[in-house]
């Protein structure tokens, strides 16, 4: 499973424009670019809701196990 880059690159200006002369589409070219460096202090384009749901389920299961014990 491939890791998706959720934070824009420091070379990414706007959709279709990259300082390195690349295609500059965040959902395509930026995902596989070798020159990718994440912008510091930027928020991700979207949150990983699947990971949050899994953590919530695990936490709930642990609480139930402790009650039953």
PDB file of N, CA and C in Angstrom:
ATOM      1  N   UNK A   1       0.837  -1.171   0.000  1.00  0.00           N
ATOM      2  CA  UNK A   1       0.000   0.000   0.000  1.00  0.00           C
ATOM      3  C   UNK A   1       0.889   1.245   0.000  1.00  0.00           C
ATOM      4  N   UNK A   2       0.599   2.165  -0.870  1.00  0.00           N
ATOM      5  CA  UNK A   2       1.416   3.370  -1.017  1.00  0.00           C
ATOM      6  C   UNK A   2       1.060   4.396   0.055  1.00  0.00           C
ATOM      7  N   UNK A   3       2.068   5.149   0.450  1.00  0.00           N
ATOM      8  CA  UNK A   3       1.865   6.215   1.420  1.00  0.00           C
ATOM      9  C   UNK A   3       1.523   7.481   0.662  1.00  0.00           C
ATOM     10  N   UNK A   4       0.446   8.136   1.044  1.00  0.00           N
ATOM     11  CA  UNK A   4       0.059   9.374   0.392  1.00  0.00           C
ATOM     12  C   UNK A   4       0.655  10.550   1.134  1.00  0.00           C
ATOM     13  N   UNK A   5       1.143  11.515   0.390  1.00  0.00           N
ATOM     14  CA  UNK A   5       1.692  12.731   0.963  1.00  0.00           C
ATOM     15  C   UNK A   5       0.554  13.726   1.126  1.00  0.00           C
ATOM     16  N   UNK A   6       0.270  14.075   2.354  1.00  0.00           N
ATOM     17  CA  UNK A   6      -0.877  14.937   2.635  1.00  0.00           C
ATOM     18  C   UNK A   6      -0.504  16.408   2.789  1.00  0.00           C
ATOM     19  N   UNK A   7       0.790  16.706   2.986  1.00  0.00           N
ATOM     20  CA  UNK A   7       1.241  18.084   3.148  1.00  0.00           C
ATOM     21  C   UNK A   7       1.892  18.521   1.847  1.00  0.00           C
ATOM     22  N   UNK A   8       1.584  19.718   1.397  1.00  0.00           N
ATOM     23  CA  UNK A   8       2.135  20.217   0.143  1.00  0.00           C
ATOM     24  C   UNK A   8       3.654  20.368   0.233  1.00  0.00           C
ATOM     25  N   UNK A   9       4.300  20.280  -0.897  1.00  0.00           N
ATOM     26  CA  UNK A   9       5.749  20.387  -1.014  1.00  0.00           C
ATOM     27  C   UNK A   9       6.176  21.862  -0.933  1.00  0.00           C
ATOM     28  N   UNK A  10       7.439  22.104  -0.559  1.00  0.00           N
ATOM     29  CA  UNK A  10       7.917  23.487  -0.479  1.00  0.00           C
ATOM     30  C   UNK A  10       8.033  24.114  -1.874  1.00  0.00           C
ATOM     31  N   UNK A  11       8.124  23.305  -2.925  1.00  0.00           N
ATOM     32  CA  UNK A  11       8.238  23.801  -4.290  1.00  0.00           C
ATOM     33  C   UNK A  11       6.877  23.976  -4.975  1.00  0.00           C
ATOM     34  N   UNK A  12       5.812  23.491  -4.359  1.00  0.00           N
ATOM     35  CA  UNK A  12       4.466  23.549  -4.938  1.00  0.00           C
ATOM     36  C   UNK A  12       3.892  24.951  -4.739  1.00  0.00           C
ATOM     37  N   UNK A  13       3.548  25.643  -5.840  1.00  0.00           N
ATOM     38  CA  UNK A  13       2.975  26.989  -5.749  1.00  0.00           C
ATOM     39  C   UNK A  13       1.450  26.926  -5.744  1.00  0.00           C
ATOM     40  N   UNK A  14       0.878  26.411  -6.845  1.00  0.00           N
ATOM     41  CA  UNK A  14      -0.557  26.235  -6.969  1.00  0.00           C
ATOM     42  C   UNK A  14      -0.797  25.110  -7.969  1.00  0.00           C
ATOM     43  N   UNK A  15      -2.025  24.732  -8.148  1.00  0.00           N
ATOM     44  CA  UNK A  15      -2.360  23.607  -9.023  1.00  0.00           C
ATOM     45  C   UNK A  15      -1.836  23.856 -10.438  1.00  0.00           C
ATOM     46  N   UNK A  16      -0.935  22.993 -10.880  1.00  0.00           N
ATOM     47  CA  UNK A  16      -0.364  23.106 -12.212  1.00  0.00           C
ATOM     48  C   UNK A  16       0.945  23.884 -12.249  1.00  0.00           C
ATOM     49  N   UNK A  17       1.444  24.352 -11.124  1.00  0.00           N
ATOM     50  CA  UNK A  17       2.676  25.141 -11.088  1.00  0.00           C
ATOM     51  C   UNK A  17       3.617  24.624 -10.002  1.00  0.00           C
ATOM     52  N   UNK A  18       4.822  24.246 -10.427  1.00  0.00           N
ATOM     53  CA  UNK A  18       5.858  23.751  -9.525  1.00  0.00           C
ATOM     54  C   UNK A  18       7.147  24.503  -9.825  1.00  0.00           C
ATOM     55  N   UNK A  19       7.891  24.898  -8.810  1.00  0.00           N
ATOM     56  CA  UNK A  19       9.143  25.636  -9.005  1.00  0.00           C
ATOM     57  C   UNK A  19      10.215  24.791  -9.683  1.00  0.00           C
ATOM     58  N   UNK A  20      10.101  23.482  -9.602  1.00  0.00           N
ATOM     59  CA  UNK A  20      11.099  22.586 -10.189  1.00  0.00           C
ATOM     60  C   UNK A  20      10.786  22.227 -11.644  1.00  0.00           C
ATOM     61  N   UNK A  21       9.760  22.831 -12.217  1.00  0.00           N
ATOM     62  CA  UNK A  21       9.419  22.566 -13.612  1.00  0.00           C
ATOM     63  C   UNK A  21       8.638  21.288 -13.828  1.00  0.00           C
ATOM     64  N   UNK A  22       8.073  20.752 -12.779  1.00  0.00           N
ATOM     65  CA  UNK A  22       7.274  19.529 -12.887  1.00  0.00           C
ATOM     66  C   UNK A  22       5.835  19.871 -13.256  1.00  0.00           C
ATOM     67  N   UNK A  23       5.018  18.833 -13.351  1.00  0.00           N
ATOM     68  CA  UNK A  23       3.604  18.997 -13.715  1.00  0.00           C
ATOM     69  C   UNK A  23       2.868  19.847 -12.688  1.00  0.00           C
ATOM     70  N   UNK A  24       3.131  19.655 -11.416  1.00  0.00           N
ATOM     71  CA  UNK A  24       2.551  20.492 -10.376  1.00  0.00           C
ATOM     72  C   UNK A  24       1.136  20.152  -9.975  1.00  0.00           C
ATOM     73  N   UNK A  25       0.720  18.902 -10.163  1.00  0.00           N
ATOM     74  CA  UNK A  25      -0.596  18.487  -9.685  1.00  0.00           C
ATOM     75  C   UNK A  25      -0.398  17.716  -8.388  1.00  0.00           C
ATOM     76  N   UNK A  26      -0.969  18.220  -7.311  1.00  0.00           N
ATOM     77  CA  UNK A  26      -0.708  17.656  -5.983  1.00  0.00           C
ATOM     78  C   UNK A  26      -1.149  16.206  -5.871  1.00  0.00           C
ATOM     79  N   UNK A  27      -2.268  15.836  -6.441  1.00  0.00           N
ATOM     80  CA  UNK A  27      -2.775  14.467  -6.311  1.00  0.00           C
ATOM     81  C   UNK A  27      -2.106  13.492  -7.273  1.00  0.00           C
ATOM     82  N   UNK A  28      -1.259  13.964  -8.189  1.00  0.00           N
ATOM     83  CA  UNK A  28      -0.584  13.063  -9.127  1.00  0.00           C
ATOM     84  C   UNK A  28       0.930  13.179  -9.017  1.00  0.00           C
ATOM     85  N   UNK A  29       1.496  14.213  -9.605  1.00  0.00           N
ATOM     86  CA  UNK A  29       2.953  14.334  -9.708  1.00  0.00           C
ATOM     87  C   UNK A  29       3.622  14.502  -8.349  1.00  0.00           C
ATOM     88  N   UNK A  30       3.057  15.257  -7.459  1.00  0.00           N
ATOM     89  CA  UNK A  30       3.676  15.505  -6.153  1.00  0.00           C
ATOM     90  C   UNK A  30       3.739  14.239  -5.294  1.00  0.00           C
ATOM     91  N   UNK A  31       2.893  13.279  -5.573  1.00  0.00           N
ATOM     92  CA  UNK A  31       2.868  12.048  -4.794  1.00  0.00           C
ATOM     93  C   UNK A  31       4.077  11.165  -5.090  1.00  0.00           C
ATOM     94  N   UNK A  32       4.666  11.302  -6.281  1.00  0.00           N
ATOM     95  CA  UNK A  32       5.770  10.431  -6.665  1.00  0.00           C
ATOM     96  C   UNK A  32       7.062  11.198  -6.933  1.00  0.00           C
ATOM     97  N   UNK A  33       7.089  12.497  -6.743  1.00  0.00           N
ATOM     98  CA  UNK A  33       8.253  13.337  -7.045  1.00  0.00           C
ATOM     99  C   UNK A  33       9.423  13.006  -6.102  1.00  0.00           C
ATOM    100  N   UNK A  34      10.610  12.886  -6.652  1.00  0.00           N
ATOM    101  CA  UNK A  34      11.813  12.580  -5.867  1.00  0.00           C
ATOM    102  C   UNK A  34      12.310  13.796  -5.090  1.00  0.00           C
ATOM    103  N   UNK A  35      11.903  14.999  -5.507  1.00  0.00           N
ATOM    104  CA  UNK A  35      12.375  16.240  -4.874  1.00  0.00           C
ATOM    105  C   UNK A  35      11.414  16.743  -3.799  1.00  0.00           C
ATOM    106  N   UNK A  36      10.471  15.914  -3.388  1.00  0.00           N
ATOM    107  CA  UNK A  36       9.451  16.307  -2.405  1.00  0.00           C
ATOM    108  C   UNK A  36      10.064  16.615  -1.047  1.00  0.00           C
ATOM    109  N   UNK A  37       9.707  17.777  -0.509  1.00  0.00           N
ATOM    110  CA  UNK A  37      10.041  18.160   0.863  1.00  0.00           C
ATOM    111  C   UNK A  37       8.810  18.849   1.426  1.00  0.00           C
ATOM    112  N   UNK A  38       8.299  18.357   2.525  1.00  0.00           N
ATOM    113  CA  UNK A  38       7.068  18.892   3.106  1.00  0.00           C
ATOM    114  C   UNK A  38       7.293  20.306   3.644  1.00  0.00           C
ATOM    115  N   UNK A  39       6.280  21.152   3.496  1.00  0.00           N
ATOM    116  CA  UNK A  39       6.335  22.490   4.071  1.00  0.00           C
ATOM    117  C   UNK A  39       6.209  22.358   5.577  1.00  0.00           C
ATOM    118  N   UNK A  40       7.069  23.045   6.306  1.00  0.00           N
ATOM    119  CA  UNK A  40       7.021  22.979   7.761  1.00  0.00           C
ATOM    120  C   UNK A  40       5.880  23.836   8.274  1.00  0.00           C
ATOM    121  N   UNK A  41       5.139  23.317   9.247  1.00  0.00           N
ATOM    122  CA  UNK A  41       4.051  24.058   9.862  1.00  0.00           C
ATOM    123  C   UNK A  41       2.736  24.001   9.107  1.00  0.00           C
ATOM    124  N   UNK A  42       2.707  23.332   7.962  1.00  0.00           N
ATOM    125  CA  UNK A  42       1.463  23.219   7.203  1.00  0.00           C
ATOM    126  C   UNK A  42       0.603  22.081   7.733  1.00  0.00           C
ATOM    127  N   UNK A  43      -0.688  22.254   7.608  1.00  0.00           N
ATOM    128  CA  UNK A  43      -1.632  21.203   7.972  1.00  0.00           C
ATOM    129  C   UNK A  43      -1.823  20.279   6.785  1.00  0.00           C
ATOM    130  N   UNK A  44      -2.167  19.030   7.026  1.00  0.00           N
ATOM    131  CA  UNK A  44      -2.445  18.116   5.919  1.00  0.00           C
ATOM    132  C   UNK A  44      -3.663  18.563   5.114  1.00  0.00           C
ATOM    133  N   UNK A  45      -3.698  18.154   3.852  1.00  0.00           N
ATOM    134  CA  UNK A  45      -4.808  18.495   2.975  1.00  0.00           C
ATOM    135  C   UNK A  45      -6.120  17.901   3.496  1.00  0.00           C
ATOM    136  N   UNK A  46      -6.018  16.732   4.128  1.00  0.00           N
ATOM    137  CA  UNK A  46      -7.192  16.089   4.736  1.00  0.00           C
ATOM    138  C   UNK A  46      -6.697  15.196   5.867  1.00  0.00           C
ATOM    139  N   UNK A  47      -7.566  14.913   6.803  1.00  0.00           N
ATOM    140  CA  UNK A  47      -7.189  14.066   7.916  1.00  0.00           C
ATOM    141  C   UNK A  47      -7.412  12.610   7.564  1.00  0.00           C
ATOM    142  N   UNK A  48      -6.649  11.737   8.200  1.00  0.00           N
ATOM    143  CA  UNK A  48      -6.785  10.308   7.993  1.00  0.00           C
ATOM    144  C   UNK A  48      -7.871   9.807   8.943  1.00  0.00           C
ATOM    145  N   UNK A  49      -9.113   9.826   8.474  1.00  0.00           N
ATOM    146  CA  UNK A  49     -10.244   9.443   9.313  1.00  0.00           C
ATOM    147  C   UNK A  49     -10.251   7.950   9.615  1.00  0.00           C
ATOM    148  N   UNK A  50      -9.730   7.156   8.694  1.00  0.00           N
ATOM    149  CA  UNK A  50      -9.689   5.716   8.916  1.00  0.00           C
ATOM    150  C   UNK A  50      -8.819   5.389  10.132  1.00  0.00           C
ATOM    151  N   UNK A  51      -7.668   6.036  10.222  1.00  0.00           N
ATOM    152  CA  UNK A  51      -6.774   5.812  11.356  1.00  0.00           C
ATOM    153  C   UNK A  51      -7.440   6.251  12.656  1.00  0.00           C
ATOM    154  N   UNK A  52      -8.135   7.387  12.641  1.00  0.00           N
ATOM    155  CA  UNK A  52      -8.810   7.877  13.841  1.00  0.00           C
ATOM    156  C   UNK A  52      -9.890   6.907  14.301  1.00  0.00           C
ATOM    157  N   UNK A  53     -10.652   6.360  13.357  1.00  0.00           N
ATOM    158  CA  UNK A  53     -11.711   5.419  13.709  1.00  0.00           C
ATOM    159  C   UNK A  53     -11.134   4.138  14.310  1.00  0.00           C
ATOM    160  N   UNK A  54     -10.042   3.637  13.722  1.00  0.00           N
ATOM    161  CA  UNK A  54      -9.408   2.418  14.233  1.00  0.00           C
ATOM    162  C   UNK A  54      -8.898   2.635  15.648  1.00  0.00           C
ATOM    163  N   UNK A  55      -8.264   3.781  15.901  1.00  0.00           N
ATOM    164  CA  UNK A  55      -7.764   4.074  17.245  1.00  0.00           C
ATOM    165  C   UNK A  55      -8.907   4.171  18.253  1.00  0.00           C
ATOM    166  N   UNK A  56     -10.014   4.762  17.853  1.00  0.00           N
ATOM    167  CA  UNK A  56     -11.165   4.889  18.733  1.00  0.00           C
ATOM    168  C   UNK A  56     -11.741   3.515  19.075  1.00  0.00           C
ATOM    169  N   UNK A  57     -11.824   2.632  18.078  1.00  0.00           N
ATOM    170  CA  UNK A  57     -12.342   1.278  18.303  1.00  0.00           C
ATOM    171  C   UNK A  57     -11.422   0.500  19.239  1.00  0.00           C
ATOM    172  N   UNK A  58     -10.111   0.606  19.025  1.00  0.00           N
ATOM    173  CA  UNK A  58      -9.157  -0.092  19.888  1.00  0.00           C
ATOM    174  C   UNK A  58      -9.248   0.396  21.322  1.00  0.00           C
ATOM    175  N   UNK A  59      -9.388   1.704  21.488  1.00  0.00           N
ATOM    176  CA  UNK A  59      -9.504   2.275  22.830  1.00  0.00           C
ATOM    177  C   UNK A  59     -10.766   1.771  23.526  1.00  0.00           C
ATOM    178  N   UNK A  60     -11.860   1.705  22.784  1.00  0.00           N
ATOM    179  CA  UNK A  60     -13.128   1.225  23.335  1.00  0.00           C
ATOM    180  C   UNK A  60     -13.013  -0.246  23.733  1.00  0.00           C
ATOM    181  N   UNK A  61     -12.361  -1.048  22.887  1.00  0.00           N
ATOM    182  CA  UNK A  61     -12.180  -2.471  23.193  1.00  0.00           C
ATOM    183  C   UNK A  61     -11.327  -2.675  24.444  1.00  0.00           C
ATOM    184  N   UNK A  62     -10.285  -1.870  24.592  1.00  0.00           N
ATOM    185  CA  UNK A  62      -9.428  -1.977  25.777  1.00  0.00           C
ATOM    186  C   UNK A  62     -10.205  -1.635  27.051  1.00  0.00           C
ATOM    187  N   UNK A  63     -11.068  -0.629  26.985  1.00  0.00           N
ATOM    188  CA  UNK A  63     -11.867  -0.254  28.147  1.00  0.00           C
ATOM    189  C   UNK A  63     -12.806  -1.390  28.551  1.00  0.00           C
ATOM    190  N   UNK A  64     -13.413  -2.047  27.569  1.00  0.00           N
ATOM    191  CA  UNK A  64     -14.310  -3.167  27.854  1.00  0.00           C
ATOM    192  C   UNK A  64     -13.555  -4.343  28.425  1.00  0.00           C
ATOM    193  N   UNK A  65     -12.346  -4.594  27.937  1.00  0.00           N
ATOM    194  CA  UNK A  65     -11.555  -5.691  28.476  1.00  0.00           C
ATOM    195  C   UNK A  65     -11.202  -5.444  29.934  1.00  0.00           C
ATOM    196  N   UNK A  66     -10.881  -4.209  30.253  1.00  0.00           N
ATOM    197  CA  UNK A  66     -10.517  -3.876  31.626  1.00  0.00           C
ATOM    198  C   UNK A  66     -11.729  -4.001  32.558  1.00  0.00           C
ATOM    199  N   UNK A  67     -12.906  -3.650  32.061  1.00  0.00           N
ATOM    200  CA  UNK A  67     -14.124  -3.777  32.886  1.00  0.00           C
ATOM    201  C   UNK A  67     -14.457  -5.241  33.148  1.00  0.00           C
ATOM    202  N   UNK A  68     -14.269  -6.069  32.118  1.00  0.00           N
ATOM    203  CA  UNK A  68     -14.586  -7.493  32.247  1.00  0.00           C
ATOM    204  C   UNK A  68     -13.567  -8.235  33.103  1.00  0.00           C
ATOM    205  N   UNK A  69     -12.403  -7.717  33.192  1.00  0.00           N
ATOM    206  CA  UNK A  69     -11.350  -8.372  33.941  1.00  0.00           C
ATOM    207  C   UNK A  69     -11.616  -8.207  35.399  1.00  0.00           C
TER     208      UNK A  69
END
